[in-house]
Amino acid sequence: MKGRPHDGAMAELYRGDPAVALEVINSILEDGDQAELLIVLRQMVQTFGGVQAVAEQAHLNPTQLYRTLSPKGNLALSSLSAILKAMGLRLAVQPLAASAPGA
């Protein structure tokens, strides 16, 4: 993954303030934009030691991780869960509205 100055700056921001990274990821997951999610995950991979380190923690092949996070990558739920777990994060399900189920 070829690093860009912006990606490096964002990785540094996330390293200094992990709450910002969580806000960004949750916002992207709420909107459902996979391209943006891949960008943020690439930036966060830098924050957590790079592709090799995250791939080891996620029990993924580094080449597979490069491809998964590429702009044309196809992020499977199992890969996303493994990557997030390697970063000490997890997915959670929340209701869309504050209304009661079936209302």
PDB file of N, CA and C in Angstrom:
ATOM      1  N   MET A   1       0.848  -1.164   0.000  1.00  0.00           N
ATOM      2  CA  MET A   1       0.000   0.000   0.000  1.00  0.00           C
ATOM      3  C   MET A   1       0.893   1.227   0.000  1.00  0.00           C
ATOM      4  N   LYS A   2       0.824   2.013  -1.042  1.00  0.00           N
ATOM      5  CA  LYS A   2       1.655   3.209  -1.135  1.00  0.00           C
ATOM      6  C   LYS A   2       1.047   4.298  -0.267  1.00  0.00           C
ATOM      7  N   GLY A   3       1.816   4.776   0.710  1.00  0.00           N
ATOM      8  CA  GLY A   3       1.323   5.797   1.612  1.00  0.00           C
ATOM      9  C   GLY A   3       1.275   7.154   0.937  1.00  0.00           C
ATOM     10  N   ARG A   4       0.284   7.927   1.261  1.00  0.00           N
ATOM     11  CA  ARG A   4       0.164   9.292   0.770  1.00  0.00           C
ATOM     12  C   ARG A   4       0.280  10.215   1.958  1.00  0.00           C
ATOM     13  N   PRO A   5       0.737  11.452   1.738  1.00  0.00           N
ATOM     14  CA  PRO A   5       0.878  12.385   2.865  1.00  0.00           C
ATOM     15  C   PRO A   5      -0.402  12.517   3.686  1.00  0.00           C
ATOM     16  N   HIS A   6      -1.556  12.576   3.020  1.00  0.00           N
ATOM     17  CA  HIS A   6      -2.822  12.706   3.739  1.00  0.00           C
ATOM     18  C   HIS A   6      -3.069  11.480   4.626  1.00  0.00           C
ATOM     19  N   ASP A   7      -2.818  10.301   4.083  1.00  0.00           N
ATOM     20  CA  ASP A   7      -3.015   9.082   4.860  1.00  0.00           C
ATOM     21  C   ASP A   7      -2.124   9.077   6.097  1.00  0.00           C
ATOM     22  N   GLY A   8      -0.881   9.497   5.933  1.00  0.00           N
ATOM     23  CA  GLY A   8       0.039   9.564   7.069  1.00  0.00           C
ATOM     24  C   GLY A   8      -0.426  10.551   8.123  1.00  0.00           C
ATOM     25  N   ALA A   9      -0.927  11.694   7.668  1.00  0.00           N
ATOM     26  CA  ALA A   9      -1.425  12.707   8.605  1.00  0.00           C
ATOM     27  C   ALA A   9      -2.648  12.199   9.357  1.00  0.00           C
ATOM     28  N   MET A  10      -3.534  11.514   8.647  1.00  0.00           N
ATOM     29  CA  MET A  10      -4.720  10.970   9.302  1.00  0.00           C
ATOM     30  C   MET A  10      -4.345   9.862  10.280  1.00  0.00           C
ATOM     31  N   ALA A  11      -3.388   9.027   9.904  1.00  0.00           N
ATOM     32  CA  ALA A  11      -2.928   7.971  10.810  1.00  0.00           C
ATOM     33  C   ALA A  11      -2.374   8.585  12.085  1.00  0.00           C
ATOM     34  N   GLU A  12      -1.628   9.668  11.936  1.00  0.00           N
ATOM     35  CA  GLU A  12      -1.062  10.357  13.111  1.00  0.00           C
ATOM     36  C   GLU A  12      -2.179  10.943  13.980  1.00  0.00           C
ATOM     37  N   LEU A  13      -3.194  11.517  13.341  1.00  0.00           N
ATOM     38  CA  LEU A  13      -4.339  12.061  14.081  1.00  0.00           C
ATOM     39  C   LEU A  13      -5.032  10.953  14.868  1.00  0.00           C
ATOM     40  N   TYR A  14      -5.288   9.810  14.212  1.00  0.00           N
ATOM     41  CA  TYR A  14      -5.948   8.691  14.878  1.00  0.00           C
ATOM     42  C   TYR A  14      -5.095   8.140  16.018  1.00  0.00           C
ATOM     43  N   ARG A  15      -3.788   8.127  15.825  1.00  0.00           N
ATOM     44  CA  ARG A  15      -2.877   7.647  16.871  1.00  0.00           C
ATOM     45  C   ARG A  15      -2.955   8.560  18.089  1.00  0.00           C
ATOM     46  N   GLY A  16      -3.037   9.862  17.839  1.00  0.00           N
ATOM     47  CA  GLY A  16      -3.082  10.828  18.940  1.00  0.00           C
ATOM     48  C   GLY A  16      -4.435  10.933  19.604  1.00  0.00           C
ATOM     49  N   ASP A  17      -5.500  10.639  18.856  1.00  0.00           N
ATOM     50  CA  ASP A  17      -6.854  10.762  19.397  1.00  0.00           C
ATOM     51  C   ASP A  17      -7.734   9.636  18.862  1.00  0.00           C
ATOM     52  N   PRO A  18      -7.648   8.448  19.485  1.00  0.00           N
ATOM     53  CA  PRO A  18      -8.424   7.291  19.008  1.00  0.00           C
ATOM     54  C   PRO A  18      -9.928   7.540  18.948  1.00  0.00           C
ATOM     55  N   ALA A  19     -10.439   8.459  19.772  1.00  0.00           N
ATOM     56  CA  ALA A  19     -11.878   8.744  19.751  1.00  0.00           C
ATOM     57  C   ALA A  19     -12.299   9.309  18.399  1.00  0.00           C
ATOM     58  N   VAL A  20     -11.421  10.065  17.762  1.00  0.00           N
ATOM     59  CA  VAL A  20     -11.722  10.606  16.437  1.00  0.00           C
ATOM     60  C   VAL A  20     -11.877   9.459  15.437  1.00  0.00           C
ATOM     61  N   ALA A  21     -10.982   8.489  15.501  1.00  0.00           N
ATOM     62  CA  ALA A  21     -11.059   7.340  14.606  1.00  0.00           C
ATOM     63  C   ALA A  21     -12.384   6.606  14.787  1.00  0.00           C
ATOM     64  N   LEU A  22     -12.802   6.421  16.024  1.00  0.00           N
ATOM     65  CA  LEU A  22     -14.076   5.740  16.287  1.00  0.00           C
ATOM     66  C   LEU A  22     -15.249   6.523  15.717  1.00  0.00           C
ATOM     67  N   GLU A  23     -15.231   7.844  15.884  1.00  0.00           N
ATOM     68  CA  GLU A  23     -16.299   8.680  15.336  1.00  0.00           C
ATOM     69  C   GLU A  23     -16.359   8.565  13.821  1.00  0.00           C
ATOM     70  N   VAL A  24     -15.201   8.609  13.184  1.00  0.00           N
ATOM     71  CA  VAL A  24     -15.148   8.539  11.727  1.00  0.00           C
ATOM     72  C   VAL A  24     -15.659   7.190  11.240  1.00  0.00           C
ATOM     73  N   ILE A  25     -15.178   6.115  11.837  1.00  0.00           N
ATOM     74  CA  ILE A  25     -15.617   4.778  11.419  1.00  0.00           C
ATOM     75  C   ILE A  25     -17.117   4.606  11.631  1.00  0.00           C
ATOM     76  N   ASN A  26     -17.619   5.004  12.778  1.00  0.00           N
ATOM     77  CA  ASN A  26     -19.052   4.853  13.044  1.00  0.00           C
ATOM     78  C   ASN A  26     -19.893   5.693  12.090  1.00  0.00           C
ATOM     79  N   SER A  27     -19.421   6.876  11.762  1.00  0.00           N
ATOM     80  CA  SER A  27     -20.128   7.728  10.816  1.00  0.00           C
ATOM     81  C   SER A  27     -20.179   7.077   9.435  1.00  0.00           C
ATOM     82  N   ILE A  28     -19.067   6.519   9.012  1.00  0.00           N
ATOM     83  CA  ILE A  28     -19.016   5.848   7.711  1.00  0.00           C
ATOM     84  C   ILE A  28     -19.911   4.614   7.711  1.00  0.00           C
ATOM     85  N   LEU A  29     -19.869   3.830   8.776  1.00  0.00           N
ATOM     86  CA  LEU A  29     -20.723   2.639   8.849  1.00  0.00           C
ATOM     87  C   LEU A  29     -22.201   3.026   8.823  1.00  0.00           C
ATOM     88  N   GLU A  30     -22.518   4.159   9.402  1.00  0.00           N
ATOM     89  CA  GLU A  30     -23.902   4.633   9.414  1.00  0.00           C
ATOM     90  C   GLU A  30     -24.364   4.984   7.996  1.00  0.00           C
ATOM     91  N   ASP A  31     -23.475   5.585   7.217  1.00  0.00           N
ATOM     92  CA  ASP A  31     -23.810   5.990   5.852  1.00  0.00           C
ATOM     93  C   ASP A  31     -23.665   4.848   4.854  1.00  0.00           C
ATOM     94  N   GLY A  32     -22.858   3.837   5.198  1.00  0.00           N
ATOM     95  CA  GLY A  32     -22.707   2.688   4.330  1.00  0.00           C
ATOM     96  C   GLY A  32     -21.820   2.890   3.115  1.00  0.00           C
ATOM     97  N   ASP A  33     -20.855   3.798   3.174  1.00  0.00           N
ATOM     98  CA  ASP A  33     -19.966   4.059   2.043  1.00  0.00           C
ATOM     99  C   ASP A  33     -18.703   3.218   2.174  1.00  0.00           C
ATOM    100  N   GLN A  34     -18.649   2.103   1.427  1.00  0.00           N
ATOM    101  CA  GLN A  34     -17.526   1.168   1.549  1.00  0.00           C
ATOM    102  C   GLN A  34     -16.209   1.786   1.103  1.00  0.00           C
ATOM    103  N   ALA A  35     -16.220   2.629   0.088  1.00  0.00           N
ATOM    104  CA  ALA A  35     -14.984   3.252  -0.392  1.00  0.00           C
ATOM    105  C   ALA A  35     -14.350   4.093   0.719  1.00  0.00           C
ATOM    106  N   GLU A  36     -15.162   4.873   1.421  1.00  0.00           N
ATOM    107  CA  GLU A  36     -14.648   5.676   2.531  1.00  0.00           C
ATOM    108  C   GLU A  36     -14.149   4.787   3.666  1.00  0.00           C
ATOM    109  N   LEU A  37     -14.863   3.716   3.933  1.00  0.00           N
ATOM    110  CA  LEU A  37     -14.454   2.796   4.990  1.00  0.00           C
ATOM    111  C   LEU A  37     -13.085   2.199   4.674  1.00  0.00           C
ATOM    112  N   LEU A  38     -12.859   1.822   3.425  1.00  0.00           N
ATOM    113  CA  LEU A  38     -11.561   1.268   3.038  1.00  0.00           C
ATOM    114  C   LEU A  38     -10.441   2.281   3.238  1.00  0.00           C
ATOM    115  N   ILE A  39     -10.698   3.540   2.924  1.00  0.00           N
ATOM    116  CA  ILE A  39      -9.688   4.591   3.112  1.00  0.00           C
ATOM    117  C   ILE A  39      -9.334   4.713   4.583  1.00  0.00           C
ATOM    118  N   VAL A  40     -10.338   4.807   5.433  1.00  0.00           N
ATOM    119  CA  VAL A  40     -10.084   4.965   6.872  1.00  0.00           C
ATOM    120  C   VAL A  40      -9.392   3.735   7.441  1.00  0.00           C
ATOM    121  N   LEU A  41      -9.794   2.556   7.008  1.00  0.00           N
ATOM    122  CA  LEU A  41      -9.128   1.341   7.494  1.00  0.00           C
ATOM    123  C   LEU A  41      -7.665   1.315   7.065  1.00  0.00           C
ATOM    124  N   ARG A  42      -7.366   1.753   5.836  1.00  0.00           N
ATOM    125  CA  ARG A  42      -5.960   1.826   5.398  1.00  0.00           C
ATOM    126  C   ARG A  42      -5.180   2.779   6.293  1.00  0.00           C
ATOM    127  N   GLN A  43      -5.775   3.906   6.615  1.00  0.00           N
ATOM    128  CA  GLN A  43      -5.117   4.876   7.490  1.00  0.00           C
ATOM    129  C   GLN A  43      -4.927   4.302   8.890  1.00  0.00           C
ATOM    130  N   MET A  44      -5.918   3.603   9.380  1.00  0.00           N
ATOM    131  CA  MET A  44      -5.819   3.024  10.715  1.00  0.00           C
ATOM    132  C   MET A  44      -4.807   1.889  10.764  1.00  0.00           C
ATOM    133  N   VAL A  45      -4.663   1.144   9.669  1.00  0.00           N
ATOM    134  CA  VAL A  45      -3.654   0.092   9.612  1.00  0.00           C
ATOM    135  C   VAL A  45      -2.276   0.700   9.860  1.00  0.00           C
ATOM    136  N   GLN A  46      -2.035   1.885   9.305  1.00  0.00           N
ATOM    137  CA  GLN A  46      -0.760   2.575   9.560  1.00  0.00           C
ATOM    138  C   GLN A  46      -0.611   2.877  11.047  1.00  0.00           C
ATOM    139  N   THR A  47      -1.701   3.289  11.667  1.00  0.00           N
ATOM    140  CA  THR A  47      -1.695   3.622  13.093  1.00  0.00           C
ATOM    141  C   THR A  47      -1.328   2.417  13.947  1.00  0.00           C
ATOM    142  N   PHE A  48      -1.723   1.230  13.513  1.00  0.00           N
ATOM    143  CA  PHE A  48      -1.506   0.010  14.283  1.00  0.00           C
ATOM    144  C   PHE A  48      -0.311  -0.800  13.807  1.00  0.00           C
ATOM    145  N   GLY A  49       0.663  -0.137  13.193  1.00  0.00           N
ATOM    146  CA  GLY A  49       1.924  -0.802  12.871  1.00  0.00           C
ATOM    147  C   GLY A  49       2.088  -1.274  11.446  1.00  0.00           C
ATOM    148  N   GLY A  50       1.125  -0.993  10.578  1.00  0.00           N
ATOM    149  CA  GLY A  50       1.252  -1.364   9.176  1.00  0.00           C
ATOM    150  C   GLY A  50       0.557  -2.668   8.840  1.00  0.00           C
ATOM    151  N   VAL A  51       0.572  -2.963   7.547  1.00  0.00           N
ATOM    152  CA  VAL A  51      -0.150  -4.130   7.036  1.00  0.00           C
ATOM    153  C   VAL A  51       0.357  -5.426   7.647  1.00  0.00           C
ATOM    154  N   GLN A  52       1.661  -5.587   7.709  1.00  0.00           N
ATOM    155  CA  GLN A  52       2.228  -6.837   8.225  1.00  0.00           C
ATOM    156  C   GLN A  52       1.759  -7.099   9.665  1.00  0.00           C
ATOM    157  N   ALA A  53       1.843  -6.077  10.510  1.00  0.00           N
ATOM    158  CA  ALA A  53       1.459  -6.231  11.918  1.00  0.00           C
ATOM    159  C   ALA A  53      -0.031  -6.525  12.065  1.00  0.00           C
ATOM    160  N   VAL A  54      -0.864  -5.783  11.340  1.00  0.00           N
ATOM    161  CA  VAL A  54      -2.314  -5.989  11.447  1.00  0.00           C
ATOM    162  C   VAL A  54      -2.699  -7.343  10.851  1.00  0.00           C
ATOM    163  N   ALA A  55      -2.067  -7.712   9.740  1.00  0.00           N
ATOM    164  CA  ALA A  55      -2.362  -9.016   9.129  1.00  0.00           C
ATOM    165  C   ALA A  55      -2.053 -10.147  10.109  1.00  0.00           C
ATOM    166  N   GLU A  56      -0.932 -10.044  10.798  1.00  0.00           N
ATOM    167  CA  GLU A  56      -0.587 -11.072  11.800  1.00  0.00           C
ATOM    168  C   GLU A  56      -1.645 -11.151  12.882  1.00  0.00           C
ATOM    169  N   GLN A  57      -2.012 -10.003  13.439  1.00  0.00           N
ATOM    170  CA  GLN A  57      -3.005  -9.967  14.513  1.00  0.00           C
ATOM    171  C   GLN A  57      -4.370 -10.458  14.045  1.00  0.00           C
ATOM    172  N   ALA A  58      -4.707 -10.166  12.772  1.00  0.00           N
ATOM    173  CA  ALA A  58      -6.017 -10.543  12.232  1.00  0.00           C
ATOM    174  C   ALA A  58      -6.022 -11.948  11.641  1.00  0.00           C
ATOM    175  N   HIS A  59      -4.866 -12.603  11.661  1.00  0.00           N
ATOM    176  CA  HIS A  59      -4.717 -13.938  11.073  1.00  0.00           C
ATOM    177  C   HIS A  59      -5.107 -13.933   9.594  1.00  0.00           C
ATOM    178  N   LEU A  60      -4.631 -12.889   8.895  1.00  0.00           N
ATOM    179  CA  LEU A  60      -4.856 -12.754   7.469  1.00  0.00           C
ATOM    180  C   LEU A  60      -3.516 -12.741   6.755  1.00  0.00           C
ATOM    181  N   ASN A  61      -3.514 -13.137   5.514  1.00  0.00           N
ATOM    182  CA  ASN A  61      -2.330 -13.053   4.683  1.00  0.00           C
ATOM    183  C   ASN A  61      -2.102 -11.571   4.353  1.00  0.00           C
ATOM    184  N   PRO A  62      -0.877 -11.046   4.518  1.00  0.00           N
ATOM    185  CA  PRO A  62      -0.634  -9.628   4.221  1.00  0.00           C
ATOM    186  C   PRO A  62      -1.048  -9.229   2.806  1.00  0.00           C
ATOM    187  N   THR A  63      -0.810 -10.099   1.835  1.00  0.00           N
ATOM    188  CA  THR A  63      -1.202  -9.797   0.457  1.00  0.00           C
ATOM    189  C   THR A  63      -2.716  -9.675   0.358  1.00  0.00           C
ATOM    190  N   GLN A  64      -3.411 -10.581   1.048  1.00  0.00           N
ATOM    191  CA  GLN A  64      -4.871 -10.526   1.075  1.00  0.00           C
ATOM    192  C   GLN A  64      -5.340  -9.213   1.700  1.00  0.00           C
ATOM    193  N   LEU A  65      -4.679  -8.783   2.770  1.00  0.00           N
ATOM    194  CA  LEU A  65      -5.066  -7.537   3.433  1.00  0.00           C
ATOM    195  C   LEU A  65      -4.825  -6.346   2.512  1.00  0.00           C
ATOM    196  N   TYR A  66      -3.679  -6.311   1.821  1.00  0.00           N
ATOM    197  CA  TYR A  66      -3.421  -5.251   0.845  1.00  0.00           C
ATOM    198  C   TYR A  66      -4.560  -5.181  -0.170  1.00  0.00           C
ATOM    199  N   ARG A  67      -4.911  -6.327  -0.722  1.00  0.00           N
ATOM    200  CA  ARG A  67      -5.966  -6.376  -1.750  1.00  0.00           C
ATOM    201  C   ARG A  67      -7.321  -5.973  -1.175  1.00  0.00           C
ATOM    202  N   THR A  68      -7.621  -6.452   0.005  1.00  0.00           N
ATOM    203  CA  THR A  68      -8.904  -6.151   0.637  1.00  0.00           C
ATOM    204  C   THR A  68      -9.063  -4.653   0.863  1.00  0.00           C
ATOM    205  N   LEU A  69      -7.984  -3.988   1.272  1.00  0.00           N
ATOM    206  CA  LEU A  69      -8.057  -2.566   1.591  1.00  0.00           C
ATOM    207  C   LEU A  69      -7.749  -1.654   0.405  1.00  0.00           C
ATOM    208  N   SER A  70      -7.486  -2.252  -0.752  1.00  0.00           N
ATOM    209  CA  SER A  70      -7.202  -1.441  -1.937  1.00  0.00           C
ATOM    210  C   SER A  70      -8.475  -0.700  -2.367  1.00  0.00           C
ATOM    211  N   PRO A  71      -8.332   0.364  -3.166  1.00  0.00           N
ATOM    212  CA  PRO A  71      -9.528   1.098  -3.609  1.00  0.00           C
ATOM    213  C   PRO A  71     -10.568   0.218  -4.306  1.00  0.00           C
ATOM    214  N   LYS A  72     -10.133  -0.873  -4.919  1.00  0.00           N
ATOM    215  CA  LYS A  72     -11.080  -1.788  -5.564  1.00  0.00           C
ATOM    216  C   LYS A  72     -11.353  -3.018  -4.705  1.00  0.00           C
ATOM    217  N   GLY A  73     -10.947  -2.966  -3.452  1.00  0.00           N
ATOM    218  CA  GLY A  73     -11.106  -4.109  -2.557  1.00  0.00           C
ATOM    219  C   GLY A  73     -12.560  -4.421  -2.263  1.00  0.00           C
ATOM    220  N   ASN A  74     -12.791  -5.674  -1.934  1.00  0.00           N
ATOM    221  CA  ASN A  74     -14.124  -6.141  -1.587  1.00  0.00           C
ATOM    222  C   ASN A  74     -14.056  -6.653  -0.151  1.00  0.00           C
ATOM    223  N   LEU A  75     -14.423  -5.811   0.764  1.00  0.00           N
ATOM    224  CA  LEU A  75     -14.295  -6.095   2.186  1.00  0.00           C
ATOM    225  C   LEU A  75     -15.407  -7.023   2.661  1.00  0.00           C
ATOM    226  N   ALA A  76     -15.043  -8.255   2.985  1.00  0.00           N
ATOM    227  CA  ALA A  76     -16.005  -9.213   3.529  1.00  0.00           C
ATOM    228  C   ALA A  76     -16.194  -8.940   5.022  1.00  0.00           C
ATOM    229  N   LEU A  77     -17.353  -9.272   5.525  1.00  0.00           N
ATOM    230  CA  LEU A  77     -17.653  -9.062   6.936  1.00  0.00           C
ATOM    231  C   LEU A  77     -16.640  -9.781   7.826  1.00  0.00           C
ATOM    232  N   SER A  78     -16.251 -10.978   7.448  1.00  0.00           N
ATOM    233  CA  SER A  78     -15.288 -11.727   8.263  1.00  0.00           C
ATOM    234  C   SER A  78     -13.938 -11.009   8.304  1.00  0.00           C
ATOM    235  N   SER A  79     -13.517 -10.445   7.182  1.00  0.00           N
ATOM    236  CA  SER A  79     -12.252  -9.704   7.151  1.00  0.00           C
ATOM    237  C   SER A  79     -12.368  -8.426   7.969  1.00  0.00           C
ATOM    238  N   LEU A  80     -13.486  -7.709   7.816  1.00  0.00           N
ATOM    239  CA  LEU A  80     -13.692  -6.480   8.582  1.00  0.00           C
ATOM    240  C   LEU A  80     -13.647  -6.780  10.068  1.00  0.00           C
ATOM    241  N   SER A  81     -14.329  -7.816  10.493  1.00  0.00           N
ATOM    242  CA  SER A  81     -14.335  -8.183  11.918  1.00  0.00           C
ATOM    243  C   SER A  81     -12.934  -8.521  12.400  1.00  0.00           C
ATOM    244  N   ALA A  82     -12.174  -9.259  11.606  1.00  0.00           N
ATOM    245  CA  ALA A  82     -10.809  -9.637  11.983  1.00  0.00           C
ATOM    246  C   ALA A  82      -9.901  -8.414  12.057  1.00  0.00           C
ATOM    247  N   ILE A  83     -10.023  -7.505  11.102  1.00  0.00           N
ATOM    248  CA  ILE A  83      -9.200  -6.292  11.088  1.00  0.00           C
ATOM    249  C   ILE A  83      -9.524  -5.428  12.300  1.00  0.00           C
ATOM    250  N   LEU A  84     -10.813  -5.214  12.549  1.00  0.00           N
ATOM    251  CA  LEU A  84     -11.212  -4.407  13.701  1.00  0.00           C
ATOM    252  C   LEU A  84     -10.748  -5.047  15.006  1.00  0.00           C
ATOM    253  N   LYS A  85     -10.878  -6.361  15.117  1.00  0.00           N
ATOM    254  CA  LYS A  85     -10.436  -7.055  16.332  1.00  0.00           C
ATOM    255  C   LYS A  85      -8.943  -6.867  16.547  1.00  0.00           C
ATOM    256  N   ALA A  86      -8.164  -6.900  15.469  1.00  0.00           N
ATOM    257  CA  ALA A  86      -6.719  -6.687  15.572  1.00  0.00           C
ATOM    258  C   ALA A  86      -6.403  -5.289  16.094  1.00  0.00           C
ATOM    259  N   MET A  87      -7.338  -4.361  15.900  1.00  0.00           N
ATOM    260  CA  MET A  87      -7.167  -2.983  16.364  1.00  0.00           C
ATOM    261  C   MET A  87      -7.850  -2.745  17.704  1.00  0.00           C
ATOM    262  N   GLY A  88      -8.369  -3.820  18.293  1.00  0.00           N
ATOM    263  CA  GLY A  88      -9.041  -3.689  19.586  1.00  0.00           C
ATOM    264  C   GLY A  88     -10.448  -3.133  19.473  1.00  0.00           C
ATOM    265  N   LEU A  89     -11.069  -3.308  18.310  1.00  0.00           N
ATOM    266  CA  LEU A  89     -12.419  -2.798  18.065  1.00  0.00           C
ATOM    267  C   LEU A  89     -13.340  -3.934  17.664  1.00  0.00           C
ATOM    268  N   ARG A  90     -14.642  -3.659  17.623  1.00  0.00           N
ATOM    269  CA  ARG A  90     -15.613  -4.647  17.167  1.00  0.00           C
ATOM    270  C   ARG A  90     -16.807  -3.922  16.574  1.00  0.00           C
ATOM    271  N   LEU A  91     -17.563  -4.651  15.777  1.00  0.00           N
ATOM    272  CA  LEU A  91     -18.812  -4.128  15.222  1.00  0.00           C
ATOM    273  C   LEU A  91     -19.917  -4.283  16.257  1.00  0.00           C
ATOM    274  N   ALA A  92     -20.888  -3.403  16.201  1.00  0.00           N
ATOM    275  CA  ALA A  92     -22.045  -3.503  17.086  1.00  0.00           C
ATOM    276  C   ALA A  92     -23.289  -3.140  16.284  1.00  0.00           C
ATOM    277  N   VAL A  93     -24.406  -3.691  16.665  1.00  0.00           N
ATOM    278  CA  VAL A  93     -25.675  -3.406  16.008  1.00  0.00           C
ATOM    279  C   VAL A  93     -26.467  -2.479  16.906  1.00  0.00           C
ATOM    280  N   GLN A  94     -27.036  -1.432  16.295  1.00  0.00           N
ATOM    281  CA  GLN A  94     -27.841  -0.473  17.036  1.00  0.00           C
ATOM    282  C   GLN A  94     -29.128  -0.211  16.262  1.00  0.00           C
ATOM    283  N   PRO A  95     -30.183   0.140  16.963  1.00  0.00           N
ATOM    284  CA  PRO A  95     -31.438   0.449  16.260  1.00  0.00           C
ATOM    285  C   PRO A  95     -31.287   1.746  15.455  1.00  0.00           C
ATOM    286  N   LEU A  96     -32.030   1.849  14.356  1.00  0.00           N
ATOM    287  CA  LEU A  96     -32.000   3.059  13.535  1.00  0.00           C
ATOM    288  C   LEU A  96     -32.665   4.220  14.241  1.00  0.00           C
ATOM    289  N   ALA A  97     -33.742   3.947  14.957  1.00  0.00           N
ATOM    290  CA  ALA A  97     -34.479   5.008  15.641  1.00  0.00           C
ATOM    291  C   ALA A  97     -34.701   4.599  17.093  1.00  0.00           C
ATOM    292  N   ALA A  98     -35.126   5.538  17.893  1.00  0.00           N
ATOM    293  CA  ALA A  98     -35.366   5.281  19.319  1.00  0.00           C
ATOM    294  C   ALA A  98     -36.718   4.627  19.567  1.00  0.00           C
ATOM    295  N   SER A  99     -37.391   4.210  18.518  1.00  0.00           N
ATOM    296  CA  SER A  99     -38.718   3.611  18.699  1.00  0.00           C
ATOM    297  C   SER A  99     -38.584   2.142  19.129  1.00  0.00           C
ATOM    298  N   ALA A 100     -39.637   1.656  19.718  1.00  0.00           N
ATOM    299  CA  ALA A 100     -39.683   0.262  20.177  1.00  0.00           C
ATOM    300  C   ALA A 100     -39.835  -0.665  18.971  1.00  0.00           C
ATOM    301  N   PRO A 101     -39.303  -1.890  19.062  1.00  0.00           N
ATOM    302  CA  PRO A 101     -39.461  -2.857  17.972  1.00  0.00           C
ATOM    303  C   PRO A 101     -40.933  -3.110  17.675  1.00  0.00           C
ATOM    304  N   GLY A 102     -41.264  -3.175  16.392  1.00  0.00           N
ATOM    305  CA  GLY A 102     -42.631  -3.463  15.979  1.00  0.00           C
ATOM    306  C   GLY A 102     -43.571  -2.287  16.056  1.00  0.00           C
ATOM    307  N   ALA A 103     -43.059  -1.137  16.448  1.00  0.00           N
ATOM    308  CA  ALA A 103     -43.941   0.048  16.572  1.00  0.00           C
ATOM    309  C   ALA A 103     -44.122   0.754  15.252  1.00  0.00           C
TER     310      ALA A 103
END
